[in-house]
Amino acid sequence: MKIECGCHCIKCNSTNLESNKIGTTEKDGYFDMHHTCQKCNTHFDHLDGEIFSNCSKCNYTSN
């Protein structure tokens, strides 16, 4: 899913991200998301900046 949110990769600063909604949408419209950078393949949490080598929520595995 491509979501425009102004985020950038925490590793290479690219804005070319694939985004995945994680969990439910809160009453205020906020929802957690994970991003995968299309330039360097870093997969990370939108809010806390955690980098994942594997993510079962997004079916992501690093190569």
C-alpha atoms as a PDB file:
ATOM      1  CA  MET A   1       0.000   0.000   0.000  1.00  0.00           C
ATOM      2  CA  LYS A   2       1.380   3.428  -0.874  1.00  0.00           C
ATOM      3  CA  ILE A   3       0.510   6.031   1.763  1.00  0.00           C
ATOM      4  CA  GLU A   4       1.764   9.603   1.549  1.00  0.00           C
ATOM      5  CA  CYS A   5       2.760  10.615   5.062  1.00  0.00           C
ATOM      6  CA  GLY A   6       5.975  12.602   4.710  1.00  0.00           C
ATOM      7  CA  CYS A   7       8.051   9.880   6.338  1.00  0.00           C
ATOM      8  CA  HIS A   8      11.536   9.007   5.229  1.00  0.00           C
ATOM      9  CA  CYS A   9      13.706   5.945   5.689  1.00  0.00           C
ATOM     10  CA  ILE A  10      15.556   5.964   8.995  1.00  0.00           C
ATOM     11  CA  LYS A  11      18.557   4.356   7.317  1.00  0.00           C
ATOM     12  CA  CYS A  12      19.019   6.125   3.943  1.00  0.00           C
ATOM     13  CA  ASN A  13      16.458   9.015   4.151  1.00  0.00           C
ATOM     14  CA  SER A  14      14.617   7.957   0.974  1.00  0.00           C
ATOM     15  CA  THR A  15      10.927   8.872   0.767  1.00  0.00           C
ATOM     16  CA  ASN A  16      10.195   5.918  -1.561  1.00  0.00           C
ATOM     17  CA  LEU A  17       8.437   3.764   1.037  1.00  0.00           C
ATOM     18  CA  GLU A  18       5.913   0.950   0.902  1.00  0.00           C
ATOM     19  CA  SER A  19       3.617   1.250   3.917  1.00  0.00           C
ATOM     20  CA  ASN A  20       1.522  -1.285   5.798  1.00  0.00           C
ATOM     21  CA  LYS A  21      -1.270  -0.432   8.195  1.00  0.00           C
ATOM     22  CA  ILE A  22      -0.794  -2.335  11.450  1.00  0.00           C
ATOM     23  CA  GLY A  23      -3.722  -2.944  13.790  1.00  0.00           C
ATOM     24  CA  THR A  24      -6.930  -0.970  14.032  1.00  0.00           C
ATOM     25  CA  THR A  25      -7.734   2.673  13.378  1.00  0.00           C
ATOM     26  CA  GLU A  26      -8.154   4.676  16.587  1.00  0.00           C
ATOM     27  CA  LYS A  27     -11.107   7.033  17.225  1.00  0.00           C
ATOM     28  CA  ASP A  28      -8.933  10.010  16.258  1.00  0.00           C
ATOM     29  CA  GLY A  29      -8.125   8.387  12.903  1.00  0.00           C
ATOM     30  CA  TYR A  30      -4.556   7.433  13.837  1.00  0.00           C
ATOM     31  CA  PHE A  31      -3.206   3.978  13.012  1.00  0.00           C
ATOM     32  CA  ASP A  32       0.181   2.359  13.446  1.00  0.00           C
ATOM     33  CA  MET A  33       2.134   1.516  10.320  1.00  0.00           C
ATOM     34  CA  HIS A  34       5.330  -0.136   9.222  1.00  0.00           C
ATOM     35  CA  HIS A  35       7.361   1.050   6.222  1.00  0.00           C
ATOM     36  CA  THR A  36       9.692  -0.799   3.875  1.00  0.00           C
ATOM     37  CA  CYS A  37      12.179   1.380   2.021  1.00  0.00           C
ATOM     38  CA  GLN A  38      12.194   0.598  -1.688  1.00  0.00           C
ATOM     39  CA  LYS A  39      15.754   1.924  -2.015  1.00  0.00           C
ATOM     40  CA  CYS A  40      17.628   0.053   0.774  1.00  0.00           C
ATOM     41  CA  ASN A  41      14.986  -2.547   1.857  1.00  0.00           C
ATOM     42  CA  THR A  42      14.946  -1.406   5.509  1.00  0.00           C
ATOM     43  CA  HIS A  43      11.700  -2.369   7.286  1.00  0.00           C
ATOM     44  CA  PHE A  44      10.803  -0.185  10.266  1.00  0.00           C
ATOM     45  CA  ASP A  45       8.058   0.980  12.610  1.00  0.00           C
ATOM     46  CA  HIS A  46       6.532   4.358  11.715  1.00  0.00           C
ATOM     47  CA  LEU A  47       6.360   5.697  15.278  1.00  0.00           C
ATOM     48  CA  ASP A  48       9.154   4.240  17.395  1.00  0.00           C
ATOM     49  CA  GLY A  49      11.814   3.781  14.718  1.00  0.00           C
ATOM     50  CA  GLU A  50      12.422   0.089  15.423  1.00  0.00           C
ATOM     51  CA  ILE A  51      14.064  -1.752  12.503  1.00  0.00           C
ATOM     52  CA  PHE A  52      12.926  -5.320  11.780  1.00  0.00           C
ATOM     53  CA  SER A  53      14.829  -8.055   9.955  1.00  0.00           C
ATOM     54  CA  ASN A  54      11.634 -10.137  10.002  1.00  0.00           C
ATOM     55  CA  CYS A  55       8.062  -8.985  10.559  1.00  0.00           C
ATOM     56  CA  SER A  56       5.140 -11.415  10.798  1.00  0.00           C
ATOM     57  CA  LYS A  57       2.627  -8.516  10.736  1.00  0.00           C
ATOM     58  CA  CYS A  58       3.772  -7.505   7.242  1.00  0.00           C
ATOM     59  CA  ASN A  59       5.104 -10.863   6.022  1.00  0.00           C
ATOM     60  CA  TYR A  60       8.492  -9.179   5.606  1.00  0.00           C
ATOM     61  CA  THR A  61      11.813 -11.025   5.631  1.00  0.00           C
ATOM     62  CA  SER A  62      15.134  -9.464   4.759  1.00  0.00           C
ATOM     63  CA  ASN A  63      17.203 -11.115   2.060  1.00  0.00           C
END
